[in-house]
Each structure stands twice: as structure tokens, then as C-alpha cells.
């Protein structure tokens, strides 16, 4: 899933966390809104 889609889901549901699920439907990790912000901050 593109980061833009993850951001849309976070905004739509008013949450700060989204589960990252692998192809086998196993939990890989949790993506936080702050993780996305930190990643973009590093690009600026």
C-alpha cells in the first residue's frame, strides 16, 4: 500500500495507528502517524 493510502486511512478513521499486514495476513508491525511525519521530515 502506498504511504498516501495509509495517510488517507488514518485520516478517515481518525486514528494515529495502522496495522501493517503481510501477504499471509500476519501482523508485521504498527505504523504510527508520527512515523510518517518523521520520514517526511528527513526528506525536507
C-alpha atoms as a PDB file:
ATOM      1  CA  UNK A   1       0.000   0.000   0.000  1.00  0.00           C
ATOM      2  CA  UNK A   2       1.339   3.439  -0.843  1.00  0.00           C
ATOM      3  CA  UNK A   3       2.008   5.834   2.026  1.00  0.00           C
ATOM      4  CA  UNK A   4      -0.618   8.182   0.607  1.00  0.00           C
ATOM      5  CA  UNK A   5      -3.261   5.473   1.013  1.00  0.00           C
ATOM      6  CA  UNK A   6      -2.133   4.790   4.586  1.00  0.00           C
ATOM      7  CA  UNK A   7      -2.470   8.506   5.364  1.00  0.00           C
ATOM      8  CA  UNK A   8      -5.980   8.536   3.902  1.00  0.00           C
ATOM      9  CA  UNK A   9      -6.987   5.577   6.084  1.00  0.00           C
ATOM     10  CA  UNK A  10      -5.555   7.234   9.198  1.00  0.00           C
ATOM     11  CA  UNK A  11      -7.486  10.421   8.430  1.00  0.00           C
ATOM     12  CA  UNK A  12     -10.738   8.663   7.529  1.00  0.00           C
ATOM     13  CA  UNK A  13     -10.793   6.705  10.769  1.00  0.00           C
ATOM     14  CA  UNK A  14      -9.384   9.447  12.992  1.00  0.00           C
ATOM     15  CA  UNK A  15      -6.699   7.148  14.326  1.00  0.00           C
ATOM     16  CA  UNK A  16      -2.969   7.510  14.836  1.00  0.00           C
ATOM     17  CA  UNK A  17      -2.026   3.875  14.201  1.00  0.00           C
ATOM     18  CA  UNK A  18      -2.491   1.404  11.359  1.00  0.00           C
ATOM     19  CA  UNK A  19      -1.642  -2.290  11.321  1.00  0.00           C
ATOM     20  CA  UNK A  20       0.829  -3.466   8.692  1.00  0.00           C
ATOM     21  CA  UNK A  21      -0.280  -6.892   7.473  1.00  0.00           C
ATOM     22  CA  UNK A  22       1.756  -9.240   5.277  1.00  0.00           C
ATOM     23  CA  UNK A  23       0.583 -11.298   2.312  1.00  0.00           C
ATOM     24  CA  UNK A  24      -0.103 -14.188   4.710  1.00  0.00           C
ATOM     25  CA  UNK A  25      -2.357 -11.905   6.825  1.00  0.00           C
ATOM     26  CA  UNK A  26       0.162 -11.983   9.685  1.00  0.00           C
ATOM     27  CA  UNK A  27       0.872  -8.776  11.588  1.00  0.00           C
ATOM     28  CA  UNK A  28       4.194  -7.290  10.506  1.00  0.00           C
ATOM     29  CA  UNK A  29       4.047  -4.163  12.636  1.00  0.00           C
ATOM     30  CA  UNK A  30       2.249  -0.973  13.530  1.00  0.00           C
ATOM     31  CA  UNK A  31       2.666   2.250  11.564  1.00  0.00           C
ATOM     32  CA  UNK A  32       2.097   5.437  13.538  1.00  0.00           C
ATOM     33  CA  UNK A  33       1.256   8.821  12.108  1.00  0.00           C
ATOM     34  CA  UNK A  34       4.391  10.182  13.751  1.00  0.00           C
ATOM     35  CA  UNK A  35       6.481   7.580  11.868  1.00  0.00           C
ATOM     36  CA  UNK A  36       5.226   9.031   8.588  1.00  0.00           C
ATOM     37  CA  UNK A  37       5.919  12.589   9.749  1.00  0.00           C
ATOM     38  CA  UNK A  38       9.461  11.681  10.819  1.00  0.00           C
ATOM     39  CA  UNK A  39      10.135  10.029   7.458  1.00  0.00           C
ATOM     40  CA  UNK A  40       8.976  13.100   5.537  1.00  0.00           C
ATOM     41  CA  UNK A  41      10.872  15.438   7.866  1.00  0.00           C
ATOM     42  CA  UNK A  42      14.050  13.616   6.891  1.00  0.00           C
ATOM     43  CA  UNK A  43      13.360  14.369   3.226  1.00  0.00           C
ATOM     44  CA  UNK A  44      12.940  18.115   3.692  1.00  0.00           C
END
